[in-house]
Amino acid sequence: MSSKSPQSRRLMDGIRGHWLIENSLHWVKDVIYEEDISPQTSGFAPINLSLLKTWVLTLIRAHGFDSIKAARA
C-alpha cells in the first residue's frame, strides 16, 4: 500500500507510532472506559468526557501505574 520499500525506517516508525497511540490510548478508552458505547452523543458532552478520560489516564500513568484496572481498584 506504499511506494516505499518495506525496509524504510520512516515507514516502520510511522506504523509503530500509530499502534503505540492506538494501544496506549484509544484501546484503553474503548475497552476500560467503554467510550464507544457511551450514552452521551450530543453537544459537547462526548468531547468533554473524552478529554476528561484522557486527563485521568495521564494522571494514572504519571503516578506510576502500568495497569489502568489496578489503578482504578
N, C-alpha and C. Protein backbone atom coordinates (compact mmCIF):
# COMPACT_ATOMS: atom_id res chain seq x y z
N MET A 1 0.79 -1.17 0.00
CA MET A 1 0.00 0.00 0.00
C MET A 1 0.85 1.26 0.00
N SER A 2 2.10 1.09 -0.25
CA SER A 2 3.01 2.24 -0.27
C SER A 2 4.07 2.01 -1.35
N SER A 3 4.57 3.12 -1.87
CA SER A 3 5.62 3.01 -2.88
C SER A 3 7.00 2.89 -2.24
N LYS A 4 7.09 3.06 -0.93
CA LYS A 4 8.37 2.95 -0.23
C LYS A 4 8.74 1.48 -0.05
N SER A 5 10.04 1.24 0.06
CA SER A 5 10.48 -0.14 0.28
C SER A 5 10.05 -0.58 1.67
N PRO A 6 9.78 -1.86 1.86
CA PRO A 6 9.33 -2.34 3.16
C PRO A 6 10.37 -2.17 4.26
N GLN A 7 11.60 -1.88 3.89
CA GLN A 7 12.65 -1.72 4.88
C GLN A 7 12.87 -0.25 5.25
N SER A 8 12.00 0.60 4.79
CA SER A 8 12.13 2.02 5.07
C SER A 8 11.95 2.29 6.56
N ARG A 9 12.94 2.86 7.18
CA ARG A 9 12.90 3.17 8.62
C ARG A 9 11.75 4.13 8.94
N ARG A 10 11.53 5.08 8.09
CA ARG A 10 10.46 6.07 8.30
C ARG A 10 9.08 5.40 8.30
N LEU A 11 8.87 4.46 7.38
CA LEU A 11 7.61 3.74 7.31
C LEU A 11 7.41 2.92 8.58
N MET A 12 8.45 2.23 9.01
CA MET A 12 8.37 1.42 10.22
C MET A 12 8.07 2.29 11.44
N ASP A 13 8.73 3.43 11.56
CA ASP A 13 8.50 4.32 12.69
C ASP A 13 7.06 4.86 12.69
N GLY A 14 6.54 5.15 11.51
CA GLY A 14 5.16 5.63 11.39
C GLY A 14 4.16 4.58 11.83
N ILE A 15 4.37 3.35 11.42
CA ILE A 15 3.46 2.26 11.80
C ILE A 15 3.52 2.01 13.31
N ARG A 16 4.73 1.97 13.85
CA ARG A 16 4.88 1.76 15.29
C ARG A 16 4.27 2.91 16.09
N GLY A 17 4.44 4.12 15.60
CA GLY A 17 3.86 5.28 16.28
C GLY A 17 2.35 5.22 16.30
N HIS A 18 1.76 4.80 15.19
CA HIS A 18 0.31 4.67 15.13
C HIS A 18 -0.19 3.64 16.14
N TRP A 19 0.43 2.48 16.18
CA TRP A 19 -0.03 1.43 17.08
C TRP A 19 0.27 1.75 18.53
N LEU A 20 1.30 2.53 18.79
CA LEU A 20 1.58 2.95 20.15
C LEU A 20 0.42 3.80 20.68
N ILE A 21 -0.05 4.73 19.88
CA ILE A 21 -1.18 5.57 20.26
C ILE A 21 -2.44 4.72 20.38
N GLU A 22 -2.66 3.85 19.43
CA GLU A 22 -3.86 3.00 19.43
C GLU A 22 -3.90 2.13 20.68
N ASN A 23 -2.78 1.51 21.02
CA ASN A 23 -2.76 0.59 22.15
C ASN A 23 -2.71 1.28 23.50
N SER A 24 -2.11 2.45 23.57
CA SER A 24 -1.96 3.09 24.88
C SER A 24 -3.06 4.09 25.19
N LEU A 25 -3.82 4.51 24.21
CA LEU A 25 -4.87 5.49 24.49
C LEU A 25 -6.23 5.04 23.99
N HIS A 26 -6.37 4.87 22.70
CA HIS A 26 -7.68 4.55 22.14
C HIS A 26 -8.23 3.22 22.64
N TRP A 27 -7.40 2.22 22.68
CA TRP A 27 -7.88 0.91 23.15
C TRP A 27 -8.32 0.99 24.60
N VAL A 28 -7.55 1.67 25.43
CA VAL A 28 -7.89 1.80 26.84
C VAL A 28 -9.21 2.54 26.99
N LYS A 29 -9.38 3.63 26.25
CA LYS A 29 -10.62 4.39 26.36
C LYS A 29 -11.81 3.59 25.84
N ASP A 30 -11.60 2.78 24.83
CA ASP A 30 -12.69 1.96 24.28
C ASP A 30 -13.05 0.80 25.20
N VAL A 31 -12.05 0.10 25.71
CA VAL A 31 -12.30 -1.13 26.48
C VAL A 31 -12.54 -0.83 27.96
N ILE A 32 -11.67 -0.08 28.58
CA ILE A 32 -11.78 0.17 30.01
C ILE A 32 -12.91 1.15 30.32
N TYR A 33 -12.98 2.23 29.57
CA TYR A 33 -13.99 3.26 29.83
C TYR A 33 -15.23 3.14 28.93
N GLU A 34 -15.25 2.13 28.09
CA GLU A 34 -16.39 1.85 27.20
C GLU A 34 -16.86 3.10 26.46
N GLU A 35 -15.90 3.84 25.93
CA GLU A 35 -16.21 5.10 25.27
C GLU A 35 -17.07 4.92 24.01
N ASP A 36 -16.90 3.82 23.31
CA ASP A 36 -17.65 3.61 22.08
C ASP A 36 -19.14 3.39 22.32
N ILE A 37 -19.51 2.95 23.53
CA ILE A 37 -20.93 2.72 23.80
C ILE A 37 -21.49 3.74 24.79
N SER A 38 -20.82 4.88 24.89
CA SER A 38 -21.25 5.93 25.80
C SER A 38 -22.60 6.49 25.39
N PRO A 39 -23.49 6.73 26.35
CA PRO A 39 -24.81 7.28 26.01
C PRO A 39 -24.77 8.77 25.66
N GLN A 40 -23.67 9.46 25.97
CA GLN A 40 -23.55 10.87 25.65
C GLN A 40 -23.18 11.01 24.18
N THR A 41 -24.12 11.50 23.38
CA THR A 41 -23.87 11.57 21.94
C THR A 41 -24.16 12.95 21.34
N SER A 42 -24.60 13.90 22.15
CA SER A 42 -24.95 15.19 21.56
C SER A 42 -24.21 16.33 22.24
N GLY A 43 -24.12 17.42 21.54
CA GLY A 43 -23.47 18.61 22.07
C GLY A 43 -21.98 18.39 22.28
N PHE A 44 -21.47 19.03 23.32
CA PHE A 44 -20.05 18.93 23.63
C PHE A 44 -19.74 17.83 24.64
N ALA A 45 -20.76 17.12 25.11
CA ALA A 45 -20.56 16.08 26.13
C ALA A 45 -19.55 15.01 25.71
N PRO A 46 -19.65 14.44 24.49
CA PRO A 46 -18.67 13.40 24.13
C PRO A 46 -17.24 13.92 24.10
N ILE A 47 -17.05 15.13 23.62
CA ILE A 47 -15.70 15.71 23.55
C ILE A 47 -15.18 15.98 24.95
N ASN A 48 -16.01 16.59 25.79
CA ASN A 48 -15.59 16.91 27.15
C ASN A 48 -15.27 15.65 27.95
N LEU A 49 -16.09 14.63 27.83
CA LEU A 49 -15.84 13.39 28.55
C LEU A 49 -14.58 12.69 28.04
N SER A 50 -14.35 12.73 26.74
CA SER A 50 -13.15 12.13 26.17
C SER A 50 -11.89 12.84 26.69
N LEU A 51 -11.94 14.16 26.74
CA LEU A 51 -10.80 14.92 27.27
C LEU A 51 -10.57 14.60 28.75
N LEU A 52 -11.65 14.49 29.50
CA LEU A 52 -11.54 14.16 30.91
C LEU A 52 -10.95 12.76 31.11
N LYS A 53 -11.36 11.81 30.31
CA LYS A 53 -10.83 10.45 30.41
C LYS A 53 -9.35 10.42 30.05
N THR A 54 -8.96 11.18 29.04
CA THR A 54 -7.55 11.26 28.66
C THR A 54 -6.73 11.87 29.79
N TRP A 55 -7.26 12.90 30.42
CA TRP A 55 -6.59 13.56 31.54
C TRP A 55 -6.40 12.57 32.70
N VAL A 56 -7.44 11.80 33.01
CA VAL A 56 -7.36 10.80 34.08
C VAL A 56 -6.31 9.74 33.75
N LEU A 57 -6.29 9.27 32.50
CA LEU A 57 -5.27 8.28 32.10
C LEU A 57 -3.87 8.85 32.26
N THR A 58 -3.69 10.11 31.91
CA THR A 58 -2.39 10.76 32.06
C THR A 58 -1.98 10.82 33.53
N LEU A 59 -2.91 11.17 34.41
CA LEU A 59 -2.61 11.21 35.84
C LEU A 59 -2.27 9.82 36.39
N ILE A 60 -3.02 8.82 35.97
CA ILE A 60 -2.77 7.45 36.42
C ILE A 60 -1.36 7.02 36.02
N ARG A 61 -1.00 7.28 34.78
CA ARG A 61 0.33 6.88 34.31
C ARG A 61 1.43 7.71 34.96
N ALA A 62 1.15 8.98 35.24
CA ALA A 62 2.13 9.84 35.89
C ALA A 62 2.43 9.37 37.32
N HIS A 63 1.48 8.68 37.92
CA HIS A 63 1.68 8.15 39.27
C HIS A 63 2.26 6.73 39.26
N GLY A 64 2.72 6.28 38.11
CA GLY A 64 3.48 5.04 38.02
C GLY A 64 2.69 3.76 37.79
N PHE A 65 1.41 3.88 37.53
CA PHE A 65 0.62 2.68 37.26
C PHE A 65 0.78 2.23 35.81
N ASP A 66 1.06 0.96 35.63
CA ASP A 66 1.09 0.39 34.28
C ASP A 66 -0.28 -0.17 33.90
N SER A 67 -1.00 -0.63 34.91
CA SER A 67 -2.32 -1.22 34.69
C SER A 67 -3.39 -0.21 35.08
N ILE A 68 -4.22 0.14 34.13
CA ILE A 68 -5.31 1.08 34.40
C ILE A 68 -6.34 0.43 35.32
N LYS A 69 -6.58 -0.86 35.14
CA LYS A 69 -7.53 -1.58 36.01
C LYS A 69 -7.02 -1.57 37.45
N ALA A 70 -5.75 -1.79 37.64
CA ALA A 70 -5.19 -1.78 39.00
C ALA A 70 -5.29 -0.40 39.63
N ALA A 71 -5.10 0.62 38.86
CA ALA A 71 -5.19 1.98 39.37
C ALA A 71 -6.61 2.36 39.76
N ARG A 72 -7.58 1.81 39.05
CA ARG A 72 -8.99 2.12 39.34
C ARG A 72 -9.51 1.36 40.55
N ALA A 73 -8.83 0.28 40.93
CA ALA A 73 -9.31 -0.57 42.04
C ALA A 73 -9.05 0.05 43.38
